Amino acid sequence: MNQPVGVRIAVEVDAGTVRRGDQLMVGGQCFTVEDMVTMAHGSKRLLFTSGESFTMRRATVLWAARRVSPRLRASPPMGRQV
């Protein structure tokens, strides 16, 4: 089994920014997002690896642990043209 690449960081997520693989803390329990279904009014139904689901409303904000690669950059450094 391959080890996931990257480091875990804490990010604030809402229904628009949650991703597959995010680990969310809901009711004191940790859940990993396996899949998502977009619903009406900006909501998302999150399906967890445990088989449970959670409907995240548009205004719901949670903290998530997300694995990111430190080698990937969102944009070039300031003052440098690519």
Foldseek 3Di string as FASTA:
>chain_A
DDDDAAAKDKDKDALVRDDQQWWFQDPNDTWGFHDWDADPQSWIWTQTPVRDIDITHRPDITMTIDGDHPVDDPDDDPPDDD
